[in-house]
Amino acid sequence: MRGSTVQAYILIQTEVGRNTDVANEISAIEGVTQADDVTGPYDVIVRAQADDVDAMGRLVVARIQRLQGIARTLTCPIVNI
């Protein structure tokens, strides 16, 4: 898959106490390959893939950010240098 898709880490801040629910809901979304609860400044870290940058944007904005309990996201595309 490397080279044929866009991959990214999505760092998510959730409302207090919602991290597990958010991670579980996100893990069911097509294109999400991993969703983990973490500690630190972010509550959930997601790894996702999409066909191109526009599709990744749609995944984040239309699917992930619309879930209840999400306060903020930061998308970090993976680069292969």
N, C-alpha and C. Protein backbone atom coordinates (compact mmCIF):
# COMPACT_ATOMS: atom_id res chain seq x y z
N MET A 1 0.80 -1.20 0.00
CA MET A 1 0.00 0.00 0.00
C MET A 1 0.84 1.27 0.00
N ARG A 2 2.02 1.21 0.53
CA ARG A 2 2.85 2.41 0.59
C ARG A 2 3.09 2.94 -0.82
N GLY A 3 2.89 4.24 -0.99
CA GLY A 3 3.07 4.85 -2.29
C GLY A 3 1.76 4.97 -3.06
N SER A 4 0.84 4.06 -2.83
CA SER A 4 -0.42 4.11 -3.57
C SER A 4 -1.52 4.83 -2.80
N THR A 5 -1.31 5.12 -1.54
CA THR A 5 -2.31 5.80 -0.73
C THR A 5 -1.65 6.89 0.10
N VAL A 6 -2.46 7.78 0.63
CA VAL A 6 -2.01 8.78 1.60
C VAL A 6 -2.30 8.21 2.98
N GLN A 7 -1.31 8.28 3.85
CA GLN A 7 -1.48 7.81 5.22
C GLN A 7 -1.22 8.98 6.16
N ALA A 8 -1.87 8.96 7.31
CA ALA A 8 -1.69 10.05 8.27
C ALA A 8 -1.97 9.55 9.68
N TYR A 9 -1.37 10.26 10.64
CA TYR A 9 -1.73 10.13 12.03
C TYR A 9 -2.66 11.29 12.34
N ILE A 10 -3.73 11.02 13.06
CA ILE A 10 -4.68 12.05 13.45
C ILE A 10 -4.68 12.08 14.97
N LEU A 11 -4.24 13.20 15.52
CA LEU A 11 -4.16 13.38 16.96
C LEU A 11 -5.45 14.05 17.42
N ILE A 12 -6.09 13.48 18.42
CA ILE A 12 -7.43 13.93 18.80
C ILE A 12 -7.50 14.28 20.27
N GLN A 13 -8.06 15.44 20.54
CA GLN A 13 -8.43 15.82 21.91
C GLN A 13 -9.93 15.60 22.04
N THR A 14 -10.31 14.92 23.12
CA THR A 14 -11.73 14.63 23.33
C THR A 14 -12.26 15.41 24.52
N GLU A 15 -13.57 15.42 24.64
CA GLU A 15 -14.18 15.94 25.86
C GLU A 15 -13.80 14.99 27.00
N VAL A 16 -13.76 15.50 28.21
CA VAL A 16 -13.34 14.72 29.37
C VAL A 16 -14.16 13.44 29.47
N GLY A 17 -13.44 12.32 29.61
CA GLY A 17 -14.08 11.02 29.80
C GLY A 17 -14.60 10.35 28.54
N ARG A 18 -14.37 10.94 27.38
CA ARG A 18 -14.92 10.39 26.13
C ARG A 18 -13.89 9.65 25.29
N ASN A 19 -12.63 9.56 25.73
CA ASN A 19 -11.58 9.00 24.88
C ASN A 19 -11.85 7.56 24.45
N THR A 20 -12.28 6.71 25.33
CA THR A 20 -12.51 5.31 24.96
C THR A 20 -13.66 5.18 23.97
N ASP A 21 -14.75 5.90 24.22
CA ASP A 21 -15.89 5.87 23.29
C ASP A 21 -15.49 6.38 21.91
N VAL A 22 -14.75 7.50 21.89
CA VAL A 22 -14.32 8.08 20.62
C VAL A 22 -13.41 7.10 19.87
N ALA A 23 -12.44 6.51 20.56
CA ALA A 23 -11.53 5.56 19.91
C ALA A 23 -12.30 4.38 19.33
N ASN A 24 -13.27 3.86 20.07
CA ASN A 24 -14.06 2.73 19.58
C ASN A 24 -14.89 3.11 18.36
N GLU A 25 -15.51 4.28 18.37
CA GLU A 25 -16.31 4.72 17.23
C GLU A 25 -15.45 4.95 16.00
N ILE A 26 -14.30 5.57 16.20
CA ILE A 26 -13.41 5.85 15.07
C ILE A 26 -12.86 4.57 14.46
N SER A 27 -12.56 3.59 15.28
CA SER A 27 -11.97 2.35 14.76
C SER A 27 -12.88 1.63 13.78
N ALA A 28 -14.19 1.95 13.81
CA ALA A 28 -15.14 1.31 12.89
C ALA A 28 -15.27 2.05 11.55
N ILE A 29 -14.61 3.19 11.41
CA ILE A 29 -14.72 3.98 10.19
C ILE A 29 -13.79 3.41 9.12
N GLU A 30 -14.32 3.27 7.91
CA GLU A 30 -13.52 2.78 6.79
C GLU A 30 -12.36 3.74 6.52
N GLY A 31 -11.16 3.19 6.38
CA GLY A 31 -9.97 3.99 6.18
C GLY A 31 -9.12 4.13 7.43
N VAL A 32 -9.72 3.87 8.58
CA VAL A 32 -8.97 3.91 9.85
C VAL A 32 -8.33 2.54 10.05
N THR A 33 -7.02 2.55 10.21
CA THR A 33 -6.31 1.28 10.40
C THR A 33 -5.98 1.01 11.86
N GLN A 34 -6.00 2.06 12.70
CA GLN A 34 -5.72 1.89 14.11
C GLN A 34 -6.23 3.11 14.87
N ALA A 35 -6.78 2.89 16.06
CA ALA A 35 -7.22 3.98 16.93
C ALA A 35 -6.91 3.58 18.37
N ASP A 36 -6.08 4.37 19.04
CA ASP A 36 -5.65 4.03 20.40
C ASP A 36 -5.87 5.17 21.36
N ASP A 37 -6.30 4.83 22.59
CA ASP A 37 -6.33 5.79 23.69
C ASP A 37 -4.88 6.01 24.13
N VAL A 38 -4.52 7.25 24.40
CA VAL A 38 -3.17 7.55 24.86
C VAL A 38 -3.26 8.58 25.99
N THR A 39 -2.14 8.80 26.68
CA THR A 39 -2.07 9.86 27.67
C THR A 39 -1.21 10.98 27.12
N GLY A 40 -1.36 12.16 27.70
CA GLY A 40 -0.59 13.31 27.24
C GLY A 40 -1.52 14.38 26.71
N PRO A 41 -1.01 15.26 25.86
CA PRO A 41 -1.84 16.37 25.38
C PRO A 41 -2.97 15.93 24.44
N TYR A 42 -2.87 14.73 23.89
CA TYR A 42 -3.94 14.18 23.04
C TYR A 42 -4.51 12.95 23.72
N ASP A 43 -5.76 12.64 23.43
CA ASP A 43 -6.45 11.54 24.10
C ASP A 43 -6.55 10.29 23.25
N VAL A 44 -6.58 10.49 21.92
CA VAL A 44 -6.69 9.37 20.98
C VAL A 44 -5.75 9.66 19.81
N ILE A 45 -5.02 8.65 19.38
CA ILE A 45 -4.20 8.76 18.17
C ILE A 45 -4.71 7.73 17.18
N VAL A 46 -4.97 8.21 15.96
CA VAL A 46 -5.53 7.37 14.91
C VAL A 46 -4.54 7.29 13.76
N ARG A 47 -4.43 6.12 13.16
CA ARG A 47 -3.70 5.98 11.90
C ARG A 47 -4.74 5.69 10.84
N ALA A 48 -4.67 6.44 9.73
CA ALA A 48 -5.68 6.29 8.68
C ALA A 48 -5.02 6.32 7.32
N GLN A 49 -5.74 5.82 6.33
CA GLN A 49 -5.27 5.88 4.94
C GLN A 49 -6.43 6.22 4.03
N ALA A 50 -6.09 6.86 2.91
CA ALA A 50 -7.09 7.26 1.92
C ALA A 50 -6.43 7.26 0.55
N ASP A 51 -7.24 7.33 -0.49
CA ASP A 51 -6.72 7.28 -1.85
C ASP A 51 -5.86 8.48 -2.21
N ASP A 52 -6.20 9.67 -1.67
CA ASP A 52 -5.43 10.88 -1.98
C ASP A 52 -5.65 11.89 -0.85
N VAL A 53 -5.03 13.05 -0.96
CA VAL A 53 -5.11 14.07 0.08
C VAL A 53 -6.55 14.56 0.26
N ASP A 54 -7.27 14.74 -0.82
CA ASP A 54 -8.66 15.18 -0.72
C ASP A 54 -9.52 14.16 0.03
N ALA A 55 -9.31 12.90 -0.27
CA ALA A 55 -10.07 11.84 0.41
C ALA A 55 -9.71 11.80 1.90
N MET A 56 -8.45 12.05 2.23
CA MET A 56 -8.04 12.09 3.63
C MET A 56 -8.75 13.25 4.32
N GLY A 57 -8.81 14.40 3.66
CA GLY A 57 -9.51 15.54 4.22
C GLY A 57 -10.97 15.25 4.47
N ARG A 58 -11.61 14.57 3.53
CA ARG A 58 -13.03 14.21 3.71
C ARG A 58 -13.19 13.23 4.87
N LEU A 59 -12.27 12.29 4.99
CA LEU A 59 -12.33 11.33 6.10
C LEU A 59 -12.27 12.06 7.43
N VAL A 60 -11.34 13.00 7.55
CA VAL A 60 -11.18 13.72 8.81
C VAL A 60 -12.36 14.64 9.07
N VAL A 61 -12.71 15.47 8.11
CA VAL A 61 -13.74 16.49 8.33
C VAL A 61 -15.15 15.90 8.36
N ALA A 62 -15.47 15.05 7.41
CA ALA A 62 -16.84 14.55 7.29
C ALA A 62 -17.14 13.35 8.19
N ARG A 63 -16.13 12.57 8.51
CA ARG A 63 -16.39 11.35 9.28
C ARG A 63 -15.91 11.45 10.72
N ILE A 64 -14.67 11.87 10.92
CA ILE A 64 -14.09 11.85 12.27
C ILE A 64 -14.51 13.08 13.09
N GLN A 65 -14.35 14.28 12.56
CA GLN A 65 -14.64 15.47 13.35
C GLN A 65 -16.11 15.61 13.72
N ARG A 66 -16.98 14.94 13.03
CA ARG A 66 -18.42 15.03 13.32
C ARG A 66 -18.88 14.13 14.47
N LEU A 67 -17.99 13.27 14.96
CA LEU A 67 -18.37 12.39 16.06
C LEU A 67 -18.55 13.18 17.35
N GLN A 68 -19.50 12.76 18.16
CA GLN A 68 -19.72 13.38 19.46
C GLN A 68 -18.51 13.14 20.36
N GLY A 69 -18.10 14.16 21.09
CA GLY A 69 -17.03 14.01 22.06
C GLY A 69 -15.66 14.47 21.57
N ILE A 70 -15.56 14.87 20.31
CA ILE A 70 -14.28 15.34 19.79
C ILE A 70 -14.19 16.85 19.94
N ALA A 71 -13.11 17.31 20.58
CA ALA A 71 -12.92 18.74 20.78
C ALA A 71 -12.03 19.34 19.69
N ARG A 72 -10.97 18.60 19.29
CA ARG A 72 -10.02 19.15 18.32
C ARG A 72 -9.24 18.01 17.69
N THR A 73 -8.85 18.19 16.42
CA THR A 73 -8.00 17.21 15.74
C THR A 73 -6.80 17.91 15.12
N LEU A 74 -5.73 17.15 14.94
CA LEU A 74 -4.54 17.61 14.24
C LEU A 74 -4.11 16.46 13.33
N THR A 75 -4.11 16.68 12.03
CA THR A 75 -3.77 15.64 11.06
C THR A 75 -2.32 15.79 10.64
N CYS A 76 -1.56 14.71 10.75
CA CYS A 76 -0.14 14.68 10.42
C CYS A 76 0.10 13.65 9.32
N PRO A 77 0.16 14.10 8.06
CA PRO A 77 0.40 13.17 6.96
C PRO A 77 1.77 12.51 7.08
N ILE A 78 1.84 11.26 6.71
CA ILE A 78 3.12 10.53 6.72
C ILE A 78 3.83 10.82 5.40
N VAL A 79 5.11 11.16 5.49
CA VAL A 79 5.90 11.42 4.29
C VAL A 79 6.97 10.34 4.17
N ASN A 80 7.30 10.00 2.95
CA ASN A 80 8.34 9.02 2.68
C ASN A 80 9.47 9.74 1.96
N ILE A 81 10.50 10.07 2.72
CA ILE A 81 11.63 10.84 2.16
C ILE A 81 12.77 9.92 1.83
